């Protein structure tokens, strides 16, 4: 099995997303940064991107599998961009995230009850507004989703005949 550049890019995106969720969990449990509904929704989106990129970047199947995975991951990254932007510009100004889309979606999915250590909502959006190295946490998420979108689109646009690396 030979991995293509597209496979490698998709795997990189998947690893970035898993690392981001790991970092969020460390922030939550080691530094007591409680997540709001929008934070939790972004975790779910990151895990979905990681799963899609992991499957699409396995190196099996025709190029259409890789391309479909890249399109799906780019669409999920766009959802993440929208969620992070909304969290930063609107939700973080609200006293409560209750009954916002993120709160209703996570609650309706049952993930908060099934996996509270990962998807539990423990803060309001205003309370969850914290800075990391002088940059609001939601903006770090926004930047990560932009990077994920760019990398998945790059994986999509690599020509199939130019997709083999010189070492292959």
C-alpha atoms as a PDB file:
ATOM      1  CA  UNK A   1       0.000   0.000   0.000  1.00  0.00           C
ATOM      2  CA  UNK A   2       1.483   3.313  -1.095  1.00  0.00           C
ATOM      3  CA  UNK A   3       0.360   6.481   0.641  1.00  0.00           C
ATOM      4  CA  UNK A   4      -0.162   9.485  -1.593  1.00  0.00           C
ATOM      5  CA  UNK A   5       0.354  13.137  -0.709  1.00  0.00           C
ATOM      6  CA  UNK A   6      -3.400  13.443  -0.344  1.00  0.00           C
ATOM      7  CA  UNK A   7      -3.430  10.535   2.122  1.00  0.00           C
ATOM      8  CA  UNK A   8      -0.665  12.165   4.136  1.00  0.00           C
ATOM      9  CA  UNK A   9      -2.432  15.534   4.212  1.00  0.00           C
ATOM     10  CA  UNK A  10      -5.682  13.948   5.336  1.00  0.00           C
ATOM     11  CA  UNK A  11      -3.885  11.999   8.047  1.00  0.00           C
ATOM     12  CA  UNK A  12      -2.175  15.196   9.199  1.00  0.00           C
ATOM     13  CA  UNK A  13      -5.535  16.944   9.481  1.00  0.00           C
ATOM     14  CA  UNK A  14      -6.912  14.007  11.465  1.00  0.00           C
ATOM     15  CA  UNK A  15      -3.959  14.113  13.862  1.00  0.00           C
ATOM     16  CA  UNK A  16      -4.270  17.895  14.281  1.00  0.00           C
ATOM     17  CA  UNK A  17      -7.934  17.504  15.184  1.00  0.00           C
ATOM     18  CA  UNK A  18      -7.253  14.725  17.693  1.00  0.00           C
ATOM     19  CA  UNK A  19      -4.433  16.773  19.234  1.00  0.00           C
ATOM     20  CA  UNK A  20      -6.767  19.764  19.566  1.00  0.00           C
ATOM     21  CA  UNK A  21      -9.396  17.690  21.376  1.00  0.00           C
ATOM     22  CA  UNK A  22      -6.662  16.280  23.623  1.00  0.00           C
ATOM     23  CA  UNK A  23      -5.468  19.804  24.370  1.00  0.00           C
ATOM     24  CA  UNK A  24      -9.044  20.873  25.153  1.00  0.00           C
ATOM     25  CA  UNK A  25      -9.402  17.981  27.604  1.00  0.00           C
ATOM     26  CA  UNK A  26      -6.096  18.879  29.272  1.00  0.00           C
ATOM     27  CA  UNK A  27      -7.293  22.488  29.524  1.00  0.00           C
ATOM     28  CA  UNK A  28     -10.553  21.306  31.058  1.00  0.00           C
ATOM     29  CA  UNK A  29      -9.213  18.825  33.581  1.00  0.00           C
ATOM     30  CA  UNK A  30      -5.745  20.148  34.424  1.00  0.00           C
ATOM     31  CA  UNK A  31      -6.474  23.889  34.268  1.00  0.00           C
ATOM     32  CA  UNK A  32     -10.203  23.905  35.142  1.00  0.00           C
ATOM     33  CA  UNK A  33     -11.292  25.593  31.901  1.00  0.00           C
ATOM     34  CA  UNK A  34     -14.908  24.506  31.795  1.00  0.00           C
ATOM     35  CA  UNK A  35     -16.429  24.107  28.289  1.00  0.00           C
ATOM     36  CA  UNK A  36     -19.591  25.797  27.078  1.00  0.00           C
ATOM     37  CA  UNK A  37     -22.038  24.376  24.550  1.00  0.00           C
ATOM     38  CA  UNK A  38     -20.181  25.938  21.618  1.00  0.00           C
ATOM     39  CA  UNK A  39     -16.856  24.531  22.855  1.00  0.00           C
ATOM     40  CA  UNK A  40     -18.392  21.076  23.059  1.00  0.00           C
ATOM     41  CA  UNK A  41     -19.926  21.391  19.582  1.00  0.00           C
ATOM     42  CA  UNK A  42     -16.491  22.263  18.216  1.00  0.00           C
ATOM     43  CA  UNK A  43     -15.033  19.168  19.912  1.00  0.00           C
ATOM     44  CA  UNK A  44     -17.630  17.069  18.138  1.00  0.00           C
ATOM     45  CA  UNK A  45     -16.809  18.693  14.795  1.00  0.00           C
ATOM     46  CA  UNK A  46     -13.076  18.101  15.357  1.00  0.00           C
ATOM     47  CA  UNK A  47     -13.704  14.430  16.102  1.00  0.00           C
ATOM     48  CA  UNK A  48     -15.882  14.114  12.999  1.00  0.00           C
ATOM     49  CA  UNK A  49     -13.146  15.679  10.852  1.00  0.00           C
ATOM     50  CA  UNK A  50     -10.582  13.315  12.390  1.00  0.00           C
ATOM     51  CA  UNK A  51     -12.769  10.299  11.630  1.00  0.00           C
ATOM     52  CA  UNK A  52     -13.461  11.353   8.043  1.00  0.00           C
ATOM     53  CA  UNK A  53      -9.808  12.188   7.361  1.00  0.00           C
ATOM     54  CA  UNK A  54      -8.644   8.992   9.009  1.00  0.00           C
ATOM     55  CA  UNK A  55     -10.896   6.863   6.854  1.00  0.00           C
ATOM     56  CA  UNK A  56     -10.247   8.793   3.650  1.00  0.00           C
ATOM     57  CA  UNK A  57      -6.491   8.822   4.206  1.00  0.00           C
ATOM     58  CA  UNK A  58      -6.154   5.070   4.708  1.00  0.00           C
ATOM     59  CA  UNK A  59      -4.631   4.606   1.266  1.00  0.00           C
ATOM     60  CA  UNK A  60      -7.198   2.101   0.045  1.00  0.00           C
ATOM     61  CA  UNK A  61      -9.770   2.451  -2.654  1.00  0.00           C
ATOM     62  CA  UNK A  62      -9.918   4.727  -5.669  1.00  0.00           C
ATOM     63  CA  UNK A  63      -9.018   8.412  -5.604  1.00  0.00           C
ATOM     64  CA  UNK A  64     -12.729   9.261  -5.389  1.00  0.00           C
ATOM     65  CA  UNK A  65     -12.725   7.961  -1.786  1.00  0.00           C
ATOM     66  CA  UNK A  66      -9.962  10.394  -0.894  1.00  0.00           C
ATOM     67  CA  UNK A  67     -11.685  13.226  -2.732  1.00  0.00           C
ATOM     68  CA  UNK A  68     -15.063  12.541  -1.101  1.00  0.00           C
ATOM     69  CA  UNK A  69     -13.360  12.477   2.296  1.00  0.00           C
ATOM     70  CA  UNK A  70     -11.586  15.755   1.576  1.00  0.00           C
ATOM     71  CA  UNK A  71     -14.868  17.392   0.519  1.00  0.00           C
ATOM     72  CA  UNK A  72     -16.655  16.104   3.630  1.00  0.00           C
ATOM     73  CA  UNK A  73     -13.812  17.220   5.898  1.00  0.00           C
ATOM     74  CA  UNK A  74     -13.736  20.667   4.263  1.00  0.00           C
ATOM     75  CA  UNK A  75     -17.494  20.989   4.787  1.00  0.00           C
ATOM     76  CA  UNK A  76     -17.089  20.000   8.447  1.00  0.00           C
ATOM     77  CA  UNK A  77     -14.249  22.508   8.811  1.00  0.00           C
ATOM     78  CA  UNK A  78     -16.567  25.186   7.404  1.00  0.00           C
ATOM     79  CA  UNK A  79     -19.100  24.232  10.091  1.00  0.00           C
ATOM     80  CA  UNK A  80     -16.321  24.543  12.671  1.00  0.00           C
ATOM     81  CA  UNK A  81     -15.382  27.979  11.328  1.00  0.00           C
ATOM     82  CA  UNK A  82     -19.004  29.094  11.661  1.00  0.00           C
ATOM     83  CA  UNK A  83     -19.274  27.667  15.195  1.00  0.00           C
ATOM     84  CA  UNK A  84     -16.019  29.244  16.383  1.00  0.00           C
ATOM     85  CA  UNK A  85     -16.892  32.594  14.834  1.00  0.00           C
ATOM     86  CA  UNK A  86     -20.367  32.533  16.411  1.00  0.00           C
ATOM     87  CA  UNK A  87     -18.879  31.617  19.769  1.00  0.00           C
ATOM     88  CA  UNK A  88     -16.394  34.480  19.567  1.00  0.00           C
ATOM     89  CA  UNK A  89     -18.642  37.187  18.157  1.00  0.00           C
ATOM     90  CA  UNK A  90     -22.067  36.377  19.633  1.00  0.00           C
ATOM     91  CA  UNK A  91     -22.225  33.605  22.227  1.00  0.00           C
ATOM     92  CA  UNK A  92     -19.342  34.861  24.369  1.00  0.00           C
ATOM     93  CA  UNK A  93     -21.316  38.084  24.905  1.00  0.00           C
ATOM     94  CA  UNK A  94     -24.392  36.199  26.149  1.00  0.00           C
ATOM     95  CA  UNK A  95     -25.012  35.411  29.800  1.00  0.00           C
ATOM     96  CA  UNK A  96     -26.236  31.945  28.878  1.00  0.00           C
ATOM     97  CA  UNK A  97     -25.803  29.539  25.954  1.00  0.00           C
ATOM     98  CA  UNK A  98     -28.963  27.721  26.981  1.00  0.00           C
ATOM     99  CA  UNK A  99     -31.268  27.008  24.074  1.00  0.00           C
ATOM    100  CA  UNK A 100     -28.760  28.127  21.447  1.00  0.00           C
ATOM    101  CA  UNK A 101     -28.211  25.764  18.522  1.00  0.00           C
ATOM    102  CA  UNK A 102     -25.127  24.208  20.127  1.00  0.00           C
ATOM    103  CA  UNK A 103     -26.891  23.538  23.425  1.00  0.00           C
ATOM    104  CA  UNK A 104     -29.966  22.037  21.748  1.00  0.00           C
ATOM    105  CA  UNK A 105     -27.877  19.917  19.353  1.00  0.00           C
ATOM    106  CA  UNK A 106     -25.560  18.446  21.995  1.00  0.00           C
ATOM    107  CA  UNK A 107     -28.457  17.800  24.388  1.00  0.00           C
ATOM    108  CA  UNK A 108     -30.629  16.229  21.674  1.00  0.00           C
ATOM    109  CA  UNK A 109     -27.765  13.977  20.559  1.00  0.00           C
ATOM    110  CA  UNK A 110     -27.461  12.535  24.059  1.00  0.00           C
ATOM    111  CA  UNK A 111     -23.679  12.819  23.911  1.00  0.00           C
ATOM    112  CA  UNK A 112     -23.568  15.015  27.009  1.00  0.00           C
ATOM    113  CA  UNK A 113     -25.229  12.243  29.010  1.00  0.00           C
ATOM    114  CA  UNK A 114     -23.412   9.331  27.354  1.00  0.00           C
ATOM    115  CA  UNK A 115     -19.901  10.831  27.503  1.00  0.00           C
ATOM    116  CA  UNK A 116     -20.012  13.695  30.017  1.00  0.00           C
ATOM    117  CA  UNK A 117     -16.218  13.689  30.431  1.00  0.00           C
ATOM    118  CA  UNK A 118     -15.911  14.622  26.735  1.00  0.00           C
ATOM    119  CA  UNK A 119     -19.182  16.326  25.792  1.00  0.00           C
ATOM    120  CA  UNK A 120     -20.469  17.683  29.101  1.00  0.00           C
ATOM    121  CA  UNK A 121     -21.481  21.351  29.081  1.00  0.00           C
ATOM    122  CA  UNK A 122     -20.214  22.913  32.304  1.00  0.00           C
ATOM    123  CA  UNK A 123     -20.104  26.676  31.713  1.00  0.00           C
ATOM    124  CA  UNK A 124     -21.968  29.505  30.087  1.00  0.00           C
ATOM    125  CA  UNK A 125     -20.418  30.979  26.975  1.00  0.00           C
ATOM    126  CA  UNK A 126     -19.489  34.150  28.801  1.00  0.00           C
ATOM    127  CA  UNK A 127     -17.812  32.175  31.608  1.00  0.00           C
ATOM    128  CA  UNK A 128     -15.947  30.008  29.088  1.00  0.00           C
ATOM    129  CA  UNK A 129     -14.390  33.052  27.419  1.00  0.00           C
ATOM    130  CA  UNK A 130     -10.712  32.728  28.308  1.00  0.00           C
ATOM    131  CA  UNK A 131      -7.427  33.724  26.713  1.00  0.00           C
ATOM    132  CA  UNK A 132      -4.522  31.472  25.895  1.00  0.00           C
ATOM    133  CA  UNK A 133      -1.269  33.326  25.174  1.00  0.00           C
ATOM    134  CA  UNK A 134      -3.261  36.533  24.783  1.00  0.00           C
ATOM    135  CA  UNK A 135      -5.656  35.099  22.188  1.00  0.00           C
ATOM    136  CA  UNK A 136      -9.213  34.087  22.985  1.00  0.00           C
ATOM    137  CA  UNK A 137      -9.646  30.303  23.023  1.00  0.00           C
ATOM    138  CA  UNK A 138     -12.448  30.488  20.427  1.00  0.00           C
ATOM    139  CA  UNK A 139     -10.096  32.259  18.023  1.00  0.00           C
ATOM    140  CA  UNK A 140      -7.541  29.449  18.410  1.00  0.00           C
ATOM    141  CA  UNK A 141     -10.329  27.088  17.375  1.00  0.00           C
ATOM    142  CA  UNK A 142     -11.228  29.328  14.454  1.00  0.00           C
ATOM    143  CA  UNK A 143      -7.610  29.322  13.260  1.00  0.00           C
ATOM    144  CA  UNK A 144      -7.420  25.534  13.559  1.00  0.00           C
ATOM    145  CA  UNK A 145     -10.590  25.077  11.506  1.00  0.00           C
ATOM    146  CA  UNK A 146      -9.201  27.415   8.828  1.00  0.00           C
ATOM    147  CA  UNK A 147      -5.981  25.365   8.687  1.00  0.00           C
ATOM    148  CA  UNK A 148      -8.018  22.150   8.458  1.00  0.00           C
ATOM    149  CA  UNK A 149     -10.114  23.577   5.627  1.00  0.00           C
ATOM    150  CA  UNK A 150      -7.012  24.712   3.733  1.00  0.00           C
ATOM    151  CA  UNK A 151      -5.262  21.351   4.124  1.00  0.00           C
ATOM    152  CA  UNK A 152      -8.305  19.323   3.114  1.00  0.00           C
ATOM    153  CA  UNK A 153      -8.830  21.529   0.073  1.00  0.00           C
ATOM    154  CA  UNK A 154      -5.153  21.089  -0.785  1.00  0.00           C
ATOM    155  CA  UNK A 155      -5.636  17.309  -0.561  1.00  0.00           C
ATOM    156  CA  UNK A 156      -8.641  17.658  -2.857  1.00  0.00           C
ATOM    157  CA  UNK A 157      -6.798  19.708  -5.471  1.00  0.00           C
ATOM    158  CA  UNK A 158      -3.697  17.541  -5.790  1.00  0.00           C
ATOM    159  CA  UNK A 159      -3.796  16.084  -9.290  1.00  0.00           C
ATOM    160  CA  UNK A 160      -4.100  12.291  -9.161  1.00  0.00           C
ATOM    161  CA  UNK A 161      -1.200  11.814 -11.593  1.00  0.00           C
ATOM    162  CA  UNK A 162       1.012  14.146  -9.491  1.00  0.00           C
ATOM    163  CA  UNK A 163      -0.128  12.587  -6.241  1.00  0.00           C
ATOM    164  CA  UNK A 164       2.772  10.171  -5.930  1.00  0.00           C
ATOM    165  CA  UNK A 165       5.702  11.480  -3.938  1.00  0.00           C
ATOM    166  CA  UNK A 166       9.212  10.971  -5.384  1.00  0.00           C
ATOM    167  CA  UNK A 167      10.024   8.420  -2.665  1.00  0.00           C
ATOM    168  CA  UNK A 168       7.100   6.179  -3.722  1.00  0.00           C
END
